[in-house]
C-alpha cells in the first residue's frame, strides 16, 4: 500500500468513527421531571348527608393551602390544610337534646359550621413529567376540626369536635410554561369526617360530609 492510499484509509476511518459517535450521542432519552409543588385554592362546597341536615346551603367561603413532592416520577406525597365556612338562617322547627336546652324549638335560627381539615396526602400522577396537562388522583387522611354553632335570639349552642377524615380527590395541573413552574390547579374532592360525639343539637350522628370543587395556583420553584 503506497503512502497516498494509507492516508485515504485513515481519513475514511476517522469520518466513519465520527458519524458513529454522533448517532449514539443524539439518541433521545426521556428523564421524568421530579417536582415540588405548593399553592392555594378557592373551594366551593356542597354539604351532603348529616351536614346537609344541619345546613343545606352551598358554601362559597372555602380556602386551602397544600404542598406536594414527587418521591417517584408518578407518586407525590404532601400535606393539605383547608377551611370551609357554612352559614344559613332557618325557621324550621328543630328538636334539641342538650343539657342547656331541650325539646322542640321554633323561630329564626342562625346556623354556622367551620370545618378545618389537616391531612396527609398521597397522589398518583397520570401524566408524563413534561406534559402541559398533568391529571392526578389522590387520597388524603388525617383529622378535621369541626365547629358547629346554633343560635336563636340570645340563646346560643356550640359544639367542637375532632373527626378522623378521608378525602379522595381527582384533578389536574395545567402549566403556564414549559418548565411547569406555575400552573392552574383544578380539583374535585369529597370530604368524609367519621362520626364523633354528638352534634350541636345533641343528635348522635355527627359525621362531616361535603363535596368540593376547587381552583387555584400551584408553584414549582425547584
Protein backbone atom coordinates (compact mmCIF):
# COMPACT_ATOMS: atom_id res chain seq x y z
CA UNK A 1 0.00 0.00 0.00
CA UNK A 2 1.51 3.34 -1.02
CA UNK A 3 1.54 6.45 1.15
CA UNK A 4 -1.45 8.11 -0.58
CA UNK A 5 -3.62 5.02 -0.13
CA UNK A 6 -2.73 4.81 3.57
CA UNK A 7 -3.71 8.45 4.16
CA UNK A 8 -7.04 7.90 2.38
CA UNK A 9 -7.86 4.84 4.52
CA UNK A 10 -7.10 6.76 7.72
CA UNK A 11 -9.32 9.67 6.67
CA UNK A 12 -12.24 7.38 5.83
CA UNK A 13 -11.86 5.55 9.15
CA UNK A 14 -11.97 8.84 11.05
CA UNK A 15 -15.09 10.08 9.27
CA UNK A 16 -16.88 6.76 9.91
CA UNK A 17 -15.98 6.84 13.63
CA UNK A 18 -17.15 10.45 13.94
CA UNK A 19 -20.51 9.69 12.28
CA UNK A 20 -21.00 6.66 14.51
CA UNK A 21 -20.32 8.76 17.63
CA UNK A 22 -22.81 11.36 16.51
CA UNK A 23 -25.50 8.71 16.02
CA UNK A 24 -25.07 7.43 19.57
CA UNK A 25 -24.93 10.85 21.21
CA UNK A 26 -28.12 12.11 19.55
CA UNK A 27 -30.38 9.21 20.63
CA UNK A 28 -33.13 10.89 22.70
CA UNK A 29 -33.62 9.76 26.28
CA UNK A 30 -36.62 10.51 28.49
CA UNK A 31 -35.93 11.63 32.03
CA UNK A 32 -39.07 12.24 34.13
CA UNK A 33 -39.16 15.62 35.81
CA UNK A 34 -39.44 15.43 39.59
CA UNK A 35 -41.04 18.49 41.13
CA UNK A 36 -42.17 20.01 44.38
CA UNK A 37 -45.49 21.89 44.33
CA UNK A 38 -47.04 24.32 46.76
CA UNK A 39 -50.03 26.57 46.28
CA UNK A 40 -53.51 27.63 47.27
CA UNK A 41 -57.07 27.19 46.04
CA UNK A 42 -60.55 28.68 46.44
CA UNK A 43 -63.11 25.94 47.15
CA UNK A 44 -66.89 25.87 46.70
CA UNK A 45 -68.57 23.24 48.90
CA UNK A 46 -71.93 21.47 48.82
CA UNK A 47 -72.97 19.79 52.09
CA UNK A 48 -74.27 16.23 51.94
CA UNK A 49 -75.65 13.69 54.42
CA UNK A 50 -75.81 14.77 58.06
CA UNK A 51 -74.02 18.04 57.31
CA UNK A 52 -76.81 18.91 54.88
CA UNK A 53 -79.39 18.09 57.59
CA UNK A 54 -77.95 20.98 59.61
CA UNK A 55 -77.11 23.38 56.75
CA UNK A 56 -78.20 22.71 53.17
CA UNK A 57 -76.83 25.91 51.62
CA UNK A 58 -73.80 25.96 49.29
CA UNK A 59 -70.66 27.49 50.77
CA UNK A 60 -68.57 29.88 48.69
CA UNK A 61 -66.22 30.59 51.61
CA UNK A 62 -63.52 27.97 51.27
CA UNK A 63 -59.74 28.17 51.07
CA UNK A 64 -56.90 25.67 51.15
CA UNK A 65 -53.11 25.55 51.01
CA UNK A 66 -51.10 22.46 50.18
CA UNK A 67 -47.73 21.14 49.13
CA UNK A 68 -46.63 18.00 47.28
CA UNK A 69 -43.35 16.46 46.24
CA UNK A 70 -42.57 13.69 43.75
CA UNK A 71 -40.97 10.72 45.51
CA UNK A 72 -41.01 8.79 42.20
CA UNK A 73 -41.90 10.05 38.68
CA UNK A 74 -45.59 9.30 39.33
CA UNK A 75 -46.09 9.33 43.12
CA UNK A 76 -46.45 12.55 45.11
CA UNK A 77 -46.63 12.88 48.90
CA UNK A 78 -47.66 16.03 50.73
CA UNK A 79 -50.00 17.84 53.07
CA UNK A 80 -53.30 19.72 52.91
CA UNK A 81 -54.77 22.41 55.19
CA UNK A 82 -58.26 23.67 54.38
CA UNK A 83 -61.07 25.81 55.74
CA UNK A 84 -64.75 25.81 54.79
CA UNK A 85 -67.38 28.08 56.31
CA UNK A 86 -71.11 27.30 56.07
CA UNK A 87 -73.87 29.67 57.21
CA UNK A 88 -77.64 29.62 56.92
CA UNK A 89 -80.71 31.15 58.53
CA UNK A 90 -83.59 28.71 59.05
CA UNK A 91 -87.08 28.88 60.51
CA UNK A 92 -87.98 25.18 60.56
CA UNK A 93 -88.85 23.70 63.96
CA UNK A 94 -85.89 21.79 65.40
CA UNK A 95 -85.64 19.24 68.20
CA UNK A 96 -82.77 19.81 70.64
CA UNK A 97 -81.42 17.32 73.16
CA UNK A 98 -78.82 19.22 75.15
CA UNK A 99 -78.47 19.88 78.92
CA UNK A 100 -78.91 23.64 78.37
CA UNK A 101 -81.91 23.38 76.04
CA UNK A 102 -84.36 20.54 75.35
CA UNK A 103 -87.49 19.97 73.29
CA UNK A 104 -88.75 21.38 70.02
CA UNK A 105 -87.84 24.99 69.24
CA UNK A 106 -89.39 27.23 66.58
CA UNK A 107 -88.23 30.60 65.32
CA UNK A 108 -85.49 32.24 63.29
CA UNK A 109 -82.25 30.32 63.80
CA UNK A 110 -78.71 31.08 62.73
CA UNK A 111 -76.55 28.07 61.94
CA UNK A 112 -72.77 28.08 61.43
CA UNK A 113 -70.12 25.49 60.56
CA UNK A 114 -66.36 25.95 60.48
CA UNK A 115 -64.55 22.91 59.09
CA UNK A 116 -60.73 22.80 59.15
CA UNK A 117 -59.19 19.59 57.73
CA UNK A 118 -55.49 18.86 58.25
CA UNK A 119 -54.47 15.92 56.07
CA UNK A 120 -51.54 13.89 54.78
CA UNK A 121 -51.96 13.28 51.03
CA UNK A 122 -50.69 10.67 48.59
CA UNK A 123 -51.25 11.32 44.88
CA UNK A 124 -50.63 9.40 41.67
CA UNK A 125 -49.68 11.50 38.65
CA UNK A 126 -51.37 10.18 35.49
CA UNK A 127 -49.34 12.28 33.05
CA UNK A 128 -45.73 12.30 31.87
CA UNK A 129 -43.18 14.53 33.57
CA UNK A 130 -43.09 17.10 30.77
CA UNK A 131 -46.81 17.17 29.79
CA UNK A 132 -48.54 20.55 29.85
CA UNK A 133 -51.62 18.97 31.47
CA UNK A 134 -50.92 16.74 34.46
CA UNK A 135 -54.03 14.84 35.66
CA UNK A 136 -53.84 13.07 39.02
CA UNK A 137 -55.83 11.20 41.66
CA UNK A 138 -55.12 11.37 45.38
CA UNK A 139 -56.28 10.37 48.84
CA UNK A 140 -55.96 12.44 52.00
CA UNK A 141 -56.09 11.07 55.54
CA UNK A 142 -55.93 12.97 58.79
CA UNK A 143 -58.21 14.91 61.11
CA UNK A 144 -60.80 17.69 60.82
CA UNK A 145 -61.52 20.28 63.49
CA UNK A 146 -65.28 20.86 63.35
CA UNK A 147 -67.08 23.77 64.98
CA UNK A 148 -70.89 23.96 64.89
CA UNK A 149 -72.86 26.87 66.30
CA UNK A 150 -76.64 27.25 66.57
CA UNK A 151 -78.41 30.36 67.81
CA UNK A 152 -81.94 31.69 68.32
CA UNK A 153 -82.47 35.09 69.91
CA UNK A 154 -79.90 35.42 72.73
CA UNK A 155 -79.55 31.64 73.17
CA UNK A 156 -76.51 30.00 71.57
CA UNK A 157 -75.22 26.43 71.48
CA UNK A 158 -71.75 25.43 70.34
CA UNK A 159 -70.03 22.10 69.72
CA UNK A 160 -66.35 21.50 68.93
CA UNK A 161 -65.19 18.06 67.79
CA UNK A 162 -62.29 16.32 66.03
CA UNK A 163 -63.02 13.77 63.30
CA UNK A 164 -60.88 11.12 61.63
CA UNK A 165 -61.07 12.16 57.96
CA UNK A 166 -60.65 10.72 54.47
CA UNK A 167 -60.65 12.88 51.33
CA UNK A 168 -60.46 11.31 47.83
CA UNK A 169 -59.62 13.75 45.05
CA UNK A 170 -59.24 13.96 41.27
CA UNK A 171 -57.76 16.94 39.47
CA UNK A 172 -55.18 18.36 37.11
CA UNK A 173 -52.32 20.85 36.87
CA UNK A 174 -52.26 22.95 33.69
CA UNK A 175 -48.82 24.52 33.25
CA UNK A 176 -48.41 28.09 32.03
CA UNK A 177 -44.83 27.47 30.81
CA UNK A 178 -42.68 24.61 29.50
CA UNK A 179 -40.87 24.12 32.82
CA UNK A 180 -44.14 23.93 34.76
CA UNK A 181 -43.03 26.45 37.37
CA UNK A 182 -46.56 27.94 37.58
CA UNK A 183 -49.77 26.03 36.93
CA UNK A 184 -53.51 26.39 37.13
CA UNK A 185 -54.88 23.88 39.65
CA UNK A 186 -58.33 22.25 39.29
CA UNK A 187 -59.73 19.67 41.70
CA UNK A 188 -62.84 17.80 42.82
CA UNK A 189 -62.84 16.47 46.38
CA UNK A 190 -65.17 14.64 48.73
CA UNK A 191 -64.52 15.06 52.45
CA UNK A 192 -65.71 12.40 54.89
CA UNK A 193 -65.24 13.00 58.60
CA UNK A 194 -66.23 9.95 60.62
CA UNK A 195 -68.79 10.15 63.43
CA UNK A 196 -67.50 11.73 66.65
CA UNK A 197 -69.52 12.54 69.78
CA UNK A 198 -72.87 14.33 69.18
CA UNK A 199 -73.68 17.35 67.03
CA UNK A 200 -74.61 20.79 68.36
CA UNK A 201 -78.30 19.79 68.62
CA UNK A 202 -77.50 16.64 70.59
CA UNK A 203 -78.00 14.16 67.74
CA UNK A 204 -75.86 11.01 67.76
CA UNK A 205 -74.98 11.08 64.05
CA UNK A 206 -72.25 13.69 63.77
CA UNK A 207 -70.45 12.87 60.53
CA UNK A 208 -68.96 15.56 58.27
CA UNK A 209 -69.71 15.13 54.57
CA UNK A 210 -69.39 17.62 51.75
CA UNK A 211 -68.29 17.80 48.13
CA UNK A 212 -65.83 20.46 46.93
CA UNK A 213 -64.71 21.96 43.63
CA UNK A 214 -61.53 24.00 43.77
CA UNK A 215 -59.50 26.27 41.52
CA UNK A 216 -56.16 27.80 42.36
CA UNK A 217 -52.50 28.28 41.51
CA UNK A 218 -49.62 25.88 42.15
CA UNK A 219 -45.95 26.80 42.04
CA UNK A 220 -42.87 24.64 41.47
CA UNK A 221 -39.75 26.76 42.05
CA UNK A 222 -37.32 23.83 42.37
